[in-house]
Amino acid sequence: MVVFPSGGDRLMIVAPNGISRTVQATGLFQIARPSLAPDGRSAAVQASEDPSTPVGSLNIYLVDLANGTWRRNCDRPVNEESPEWFPRSNRIAYSSFSPIAGVNLHVYDLDAQREVLTV
């Protein structure tokens, strides 16, 4: 399957047979850079809960592709972006940017519900 943004609060999912569907994540805005979970049931995205949030202040969210419900993955005061799911794991890698700390790489373990690595 392939997943990509389709409007400010929607994701388009295309199956290998070409059938597509749209999932609306009501309450999320500026959805970008989705990464499909290995099981295909959810996607990690960078987005905002406020439509007026500047692009440089986004966070990482997990969106359930069956019903569009979502939850925020982390609670950093800095920009979080570019989530990528590990191929055979329930972990997500993403970067954060702070004018003070610079760019950091993070690995979040969804089973343990905590960050397991910061570089």
N, C-alpha and C. Protein backbone atom coordinates (compact mmCIF):
# COMPACT_ATOMS: atom_id res chain seq x y z
N MET A 1 0.83 -1.18 0.00
CA MET A 1 0.00 0.00 0.00
C MET A 1 0.88 1.24 0.00
N VAL A 2 0.27 2.32 -0.46
CA VAL A 2 0.93 3.63 -0.46
C VAL A 2 0.00 4.59 0.25
N VAL A 3 0.57 5.49 1.06
CA VAL A 3 -0.23 6.52 1.73
C VAL A 3 0.41 7.87 1.46
N PHE A 4 -0.44 8.87 1.17
CA PHE A 4 0.07 10.21 0.94
C PHE A 4 -0.98 11.23 1.37
N PRO A 5 -0.54 12.48 1.66
CA PRO A 5 -1.48 13.52 2.09
C PRO A 5 -2.42 13.89 0.95
N SER A 6 -3.66 14.20 1.32
CA SER A 6 -4.66 14.58 0.32
C SER A 6 -5.51 15.69 0.91
N GLY A 7 -4.97 16.88 0.99
CA GLY A 7 -5.67 17.98 1.65
C GLY A 7 -5.14 18.12 3.06
N GLY A 8 -5.54 19.16 3.74
CA GLY A 8 -4.99 19.47 5.06
C GLY A 8 -5.21 18.44 6.14
N ASP A 9 -6.35 17.70 6.11
CA ASP A 9 -6.65 16.76 7.18
C ASP A 9 -6.98 15.36 6.67
N ARG A 10 -6.52 15.04 5.46
CA ARG A 10 -6.86 13.75 4.86
C ARG A 10 -5.61 12.99 4.39
N LEU A 11 -5.75 11.68 4.41
CA LEU A 11 -4.73 10.80 3.85
C LEU A 11 -5.38 9.94 2.78
N MET A 12 -4.70 9.73 1.68
CA MET A 12 -5.16 8.85 0.61
C MET A 12 -4.36 7.56 0.72
N ILE A 13 -5.08 6.44 0.72
CA ILE A 13 -4.44 5.13 0.79
C ILE A 13 -4.73 4.42 -0.53
N VAL A 14 -3.69 3.93 -1.21
CA VAL A 14 -3.85 3.22 -2.46
C VAL A 14 -3.31 1.80 -2.28
N ALA A 15 -4.18 0.83 -2.54
CA ALA A 15 -3.81 -0.58 -2.42
C ALA A 15 -3.08 -1.04 -3.68
N PRO A 16 -2.36 -2.15 -3.62
CA PRO A 16 -1.64 -2.66 -4.79
C PRO A 16 -2.54 -2.90 -6.01
N ASN A 17 -3.82 -3.19 -5.78
CA ASN A 17 -4.74 -3.41 -6.90
C ASN A 17 -5.29 -2.12 -7.50
N GLY A 18 -4.83 -0.97 -6.98
CA GLY A 18 -5.25 0.32 -7.51
C GLY A 18 -6.45 0.94 -6.82
N ILE A 19 -7.11 0.20 -5.96
CA ILE A 19 -8.26 0.74 -5.24
C ILE A 19 -7.76 1.73 -4.20
N SER A 20 -8.40 2.89 -4.17
CA SER A 20 -7.98 3.93 -3.22
C SER A 20 -9.13 4.34 -2.33
N ARG A 21 -8.76 4.89 -1.20
CA ARG A 21 -9.76 5.44 -0.26
C ARG A 21 -9.11 6.58 0.50
N THR A 22 -9.97 7.44 1.03
CA THR A 22 -9.50 8.60 1.78
C THR A 22 -9.89 8.45 3.24
N VAL A 23 -8.98 8.81 4.12
CA VAL A 23 -9.23 8.80 5.56
C VAL A 23 -9.09 10.23 6.05
N GLN A 24 -10.11 10.71 6.75
CA GLN A 24 -10.07 12.06 7.30
C GLN A 24 -9.66 11.99 8.76
N ALA A 25 -8.64 12.76 9.10
CA ALA A 25 -8.16 12.86 10.49
C ALA A 25 -8.65 14.19 11.05
N THR A 26 -9.91 14.25 11.40
CA THR A 26 -10.53 15.48 11.88
C THR A 26 -9.78 16.01 13.10
N GLY A 27 -9.41 17.29 13.02
CA GLY A 27 -8.69 17.92 14.12
C GLY A 27 -7.19 18.03 13.87
N LEU A 28 -6.70 17.40 12.82
CA LEU A 28 -5.30 17.56 12.44
C LEU A 28 -5.23 18.45 11.21
N PHE A 29 -4.18 19.24 11.13
CA PHE A 29 -4.00 20.17 10.02
C PHE A 29 -2.57 20.05 9.49
N GLN A 30 -2.38 20.44 8.25
CA GLN A 30 -1.05 20.45 7.62
C GLN A 30 -0.40 19.06 7.62
N ILE A 31 -1.19 18.01 7.44
CA ILE A 31 -0.63 16.65 7.43
C ILE A 31 0.38 16.54 6.30
N ALA A 32 1.55 15.99 6.63
CA ALA A 32 2.61 15.81 5.63
C ALA A 32 3.47 14.62 6.01
N ARG A 33 4.25 14.16 5.04
CA ARG A 33 5.26 13.11 5.20
C ARG A 33 4.76 11.87 5.92
N PRO A 34 3.66 11.27 5.48
CA PRO A 34 3.18 10.06 6.15
C PRO A 34 4.10 8.87 5.93
N SER A 35 4.18 8.02 6.94
CA SER A 35 4.94 6.77 6.87
C SER A 35 4.00 5.65 7.30
N LEU A 36 3.82 4.68 6.43
CA LEU A 36 2.89 3.58 6.67
C LEU A 36 3.49 2.57 7.64
N ALA A 37 2.69 2.14 8.63
CA ALA A 37 3.12 1.11 9.58
C ALA A 37 3.32 -0.20 8.83
N PRO A 38 4.23 -1.05 9.30
CA PRO A 38 4.45 -2.34 8.63
C PRO A 38 3.18 -3.18 8.47
N ASP A 39 2.24 -3.08 9.41
CA ASP A 39 1.00 -3.85 9.30
C ASP A 39 -0.05 -3.15 8.45
N GLY A 40 0.22 -1.91 8.01
CA GLY A 40 -0.70 -1.17 7.14
C GLY A 40 -1.92 -0.60 7.83
N ARG A 41 -1.98 -0.69 9.15
CA ARG A 41 -3.18 -0.23 9.86
C ARG A 41 -3.11 1.22 10.32
N SER A 42 -1.92 1.80 10.34
CA SER A 42 -1.79 3.18 10.78
C SER A 42 -0.65 3.86 10.03
N ALA A 43 -0.59 5.17 10.19
CA ALA A 43 0.48 5.95 9.57
C ALA A 43 0.98 6.96 10.58
N ALA A 44 2.29 7.19 10.56
CA ALA A 44 2.88 8.27 11.34
C ALA A 44 2.97 9.47 10.41
N VAL A 45 2.57 10.64 10.89
CA VAL A 45 2.58 11.86 10.08
C VAL A 45 3.13 13.02 10.89
N GLN A 46 3.57 14.05 10.19
CA GLN A 46 3.85 15.31 10.88
C GLN A 46 2.65 16.20 10.59
N ALA A 47 2.17 16.90 11.63
CA ALA A 47 0.96 17.70 11.50
C ALA A 47 0.85 18.66 12.68
N SER A 48 -0.30 19.31 12.76
CA SER A 48 -0.58 20.25 13.84
C SER A 48 -2.03 20.10 14.27
N GLU A 49 -2.32 20.43 15.52
CA GLU A 49 -3.70 20.45 16.01
C GLU A 49 -4.32 21.84 15.84
N ASP A 50 -3.55 22.80 15.36
CA ASP A 50 -4.01 24.18 15.20
C ASP A 50 -3.71 24.62 13.76
N PRO A 51 -4.74 25.03 13.00
CA PRO A 51 -4.50 25.41 11.61
C PRO A 51 -3.57 26.61 11.44
N SER A 52 -3.38 27.40 12.49
CA SER A 52 -2.52 28.58 12.37
C SER A 52 -1.08 28.32 12.82
N THR A 53 -0.77 27.07 13.19
CA THR A 53 0.59 26.73 13.62
C THR A 53 1.54 26.89 12.45
N PRO A 54 2.67 27.56 12.65
CA PRO A 54 3.65 27.69 11.56
C PRO A 54 4.22 26.33 11.17
N VAL A 55 4.60 26.19 9.92
CA VAL A 55 5.13 24.93 9.41
C VAL A 55 6.34 24.47 10.22
N GLY A 56 7.09 25.37 10.81
CA GLY A 56 8.25 25.01 11.61
C GLY A 56 7.95 24.58 13.02
N SER A 57 6.67 24.35 13.35
CA SER A 57 6.29 23.95 14.72
C SER A 57 5.36 22.74 14.71
N LEU A 58 5.63 21.77 13.86
CA LEU A 58 4.77 20.61 13.73
C LEU A 58 5.18 19.52 14.71
N ASN A 59 4.31 18.52 14.88
CA ASN A 59 4.54 17.40 15.78
C ASN A 59 4.27 16.09 15.05
N ILE A 60 4.64 14.98 15.68
CA ILE A 60 4.41 13.66 15.11
C ILE A 60 3.14 13.07 15.71
N TYR A 61 2.28 12.55 14.83
CA TYR A 61 1.01 11.93 15.23
C TYR A 61 0.89 10.57 14.59
N LEU A 62 0.13 9.69 15.24
CA LEU A 62 -0.21 8.38 14.68
C LEU A 62 -1.68 8.42 14.29
N VAL A 63 -1.98 8.07 13.04
CA VAL A 63 -3.34 8.10 12.53
C VAL A 63 -3.79 6.67 12.24
N ASP A 64 -4.94 6.27 12.81
CA ASP A 64 -5.54 4.96 12.54
C ASP A 64 -6.19 5.04 11.16
N LEU A 65 -5.76 4.21 10.23
CA LEU A 65 -6.27 4.29 8.86
C LEU A 65 -7.64 3.66 8.68
N ALA A 66 -8.17 2.99 9.70
CA ALA A 66 -9.51 2.43 9.62
C ALA A 66 -10.57 3.49 9.90
N ASN A 67 -10.26 4.42 10.83
CA ASN A 67 -11.31 5.36 11.23
C ASN A 67 -10.84 6.82 11.35
N GLY A 68 -9.58 7.10 11.14
CA GLY A 68 -9.09 8.49 11.18
C GLY A 68 -8.79 9.02 12.56
N THR A 69 -8.96 8.21 13.61
CA THR A 69 -8.60 8.70 14.94
C THR A 69 -7.09 8.85 15.01
N TRP A 70 -6.63 9.71 15.89
CA TRP A 70 -5.20 9.99 15.97
C TRP A 70 -4.81 10.29 17.41
N ARG A 71 -3.49 10.20 17.62
CA ARG A 71 -2.93 10.60 18.92
C ARG A 71 -1.54 11.17 18.67
N ARG A 72 -1.19 12.11 19.51
CA ARG A 72 0.13 12.71 19.42
C ARG A 72 1.17 11.74 19.95
N ASN A 73 2.27 11.61 19.25
CA ASN A 73 3.29 10.65 19.63
C ASN A 73 4.18 11.18 20.74
N CYS A 74 4.64 12.40 20.64
CA CYS A 74 5.56 12.98 21.63
C CYS A 74 5.09 14.38 21.99
N ASP A 75 5.69 14.95 23.00
CA ASP A 75 5.30 16.27 23.46
C ASP A 75 6.53 17.17 23.58
N ARG A 76 7.19 17.40 22.47
CA ARG A 76 8.37 18.25 22.45
C ARG A 76 7.96 19.69 22.16
N PRO A 77 8.65 20.65 22.74
CA PRO A 77 8.33 22.06 22.47
C PRO A 77 8.96 22.54 21.16
N VAL A 78 9.64 21.65 20.43
CA VAL A 78 10.32 22.02 19.18
C VAL A 78 9.68 21.30 18.00
N ASN A 79 10.07 21.69 16.79
CA ASN A 79 9.54 21.09 15.58
C ASN A 79 9.94 19.62 15.47
N GLU A 80 8.97 18.74 15.22
CA GLU A 80 9.20 17.32 14.98
C GLU A 80 8.80 17.05 13.53
N GLU A 81 9.61 16.25 12.82
CA GLU A 81 9.28 16.03 11.41
C GLU A 81 9.86 14.73 10.88
N SER A 82 9.43 14.41 9.67
CA SER A 82 9.94 13.28 8.87
C SER A 82 9.87 11.93 9.58
N PRO A 83 8.69 11.51 10.06
CA PRO A 83 8.61 10.20 10.71
C PRO A 83 8.82 9.07 9.70
N GLU A 84 9.51 8.04 10.13
CA GLU A 84 9.70 6.83 9.31
C GLU A 84 9.55 5.62 10.21
N TRP A 85 8.67 4.71 9.79
CA TRP A 85 8.44 3.49 10.55
C TRP A 85 9.56 2.50 10.28
N PHE A 86 10.02 1.80 11.31
CA PHE A 86 10.99 0.73 11.12
C PHE A 86 10.29 -0.40 10.36
N PRO A 87 10.97 -1.07 9.43
CA PRO A 87 10.32 -2.06 8.57
C PRO A 87 9.62 -3.22 9.29
N ARG A 88 10.21 -3.80 10.29
CA ARG A 88 9.60 -4.95 10.97
C ARG A 88 9.56 -4.73 12.47
N SER A 89 9.10 -3.55 12.85
CA SER A 89 9.15 -3.18 14.25
C SER A 89 8.04 -2.18 14.55
N ASN A 90 7.75 -2.01 15.80
CA ASN A 90 6.76 -1.03 16.22
C ASN A 90 7.47 0.21 16.75
N ARG A 91 8.46 0.66 15.97
CA ARG A 91 9.25 1.84 16.31
C ARG A 91 9.19 2.85 15.18
N ILE A 92 9.30 4.12 15.57
CA ILE A 92 9.30 5.21 14.60
C ILE A 92 10.54 6.06 14.83
N ALA A 93 11.23 6.39 13.76
CA ALA A 93 12.34 7.34 13.81
C ALA A 93 11.84 8.66 13.27
N TYR A 94 12.28 9.76 13.87
CA TYR A 94 11.91 11.09 13.39
C TYR A 94 12.99 12.07 13.82
N SER A 95 12.96 13.24 13.21
CA SER A 95 13.92 14.27 13.59
C SER A 95 13.21 15.41 14.29
N SER A 96 13.98 16.15 15.08
CA SER A 96 13.46 17.37 15.70
C SER A 96 14.47 18.48 15.44
N PHE A 97 13.97 19.71 15.43
CA PHE A 97 14.86 20.85 15.23
C PHE A 97 14.57 21.91 16.27
N SER A 98 15.63 22.37 16.91
CA SER A 98 15.57 23.46 17.86
C SER A 98 16.66 24.46 17.50
N PRO A 99 16.37 25.76 17.51
CA PRO A 99 17.42 26.75 17.24
C PRO A 99 18.58 26.66 18.23
N ILE A 100 18.33 26.12 19.42
CA ILE A 100 19.38 26.00 20.43
C ILE A 100 20.10 24.65 20.34
N ALA A 101 19.33 23.56 20.29
CA ALA A 101 19.92 22.21 20.29
C ALA A 101 20.28 21.70 18.90
N GLY A 102 19.79 22.34 17.86
CA GLY A 102 20.05 21.88 16.50
C GLY A 102 19.13 20.73 16.11
N VAL A 103 19.62 19.85 15.23
CA VAL A 103 18.83 18.72 14.74
C VAL A 103 19.18 17.48 15.54
N ASN A 104 18.15 16.76 15.98
CA ASN A 104 18.34 15.50 16.69
C ASN A 104 17.52 14.42 16.01
N LEU A 105 18.01 13.19 16.07
CA LEU A 105 17.29 12.03 15.58
C LEU A 105 16.74 11.29 16.79
N HIS A 106 15.47 10.88 16.71
CA HIS A 106 14.81 10.20 17.82
C HIS A 106 14.26 8.87 17.35
N VAL A 107 14.25 7.90 18.24
CA VAL A 107 13.59 6.62 18.00
C VAL A 107 12.59 6.42 19.13
N TYR A 108 11.31 6.25 18.74
CA TYR A 108 10.24 6.08 19.71
C TYR A 108 9.70 4.67 19.59
N ASP A 109 9.66 3.92 20.71
CA ASP A 109 9.14 2.56 20.74
C ASP A 109 7.67 2.63 21.15
N LEU A 110 6.77 2.25 20.25
CA LEU A 110 5.35 2.35 20.53
C LEU A 110 4.88 1.29 21.55
N ASP A 111 5.55 0.14 21.58
CA ASP A 111 5.17 -0.88 22.57
C ASP A 111 5.54 -0.43 23.97
N ALA A 112 6.73 0.14 24.14
CA ALA A 112 7.17 0.62 25.45
C ALA A 112 6.60 2.00 25.77
N GLN A 113 6.05 2.69 24.76
CA GLN A 113 5.50 4.03 24.87
C GLN A 113 6.52 5.02 25.44
N ARG A 114 7.73 4.95 24.86
CA ARG A 114 8.76 5.88 25.29
C ARG A 114 9.84 5.98 24.21
N GLU A 115 10.57 7.05 24.31
CA GLU A 115 11.71 7.24 23.42
C GLU A 115 12.85 6.34 23.90
N VAL A 116 13.48 5.64 22.95
CA VAL A 116 14.55 4.71 23.33
C VAL A 116 15.91 5.18 22.84
N LEU A 117 15.96 6.21 22.00
CA LEU A 117 17.25 6.69 21.50
C LEU A 117 17.11 8.13 21.03
N THR A 118 18.11 8.96 21.37
CA THR A 118 18.23 10.31 20.83
C THR A 118 19.67 10.48 20.42
N VAL A 119 19.87 10.93 19.19
CA VAL A 119 21.22 11.16 18.66
C VAL A 119 21.32 12.60 18.25
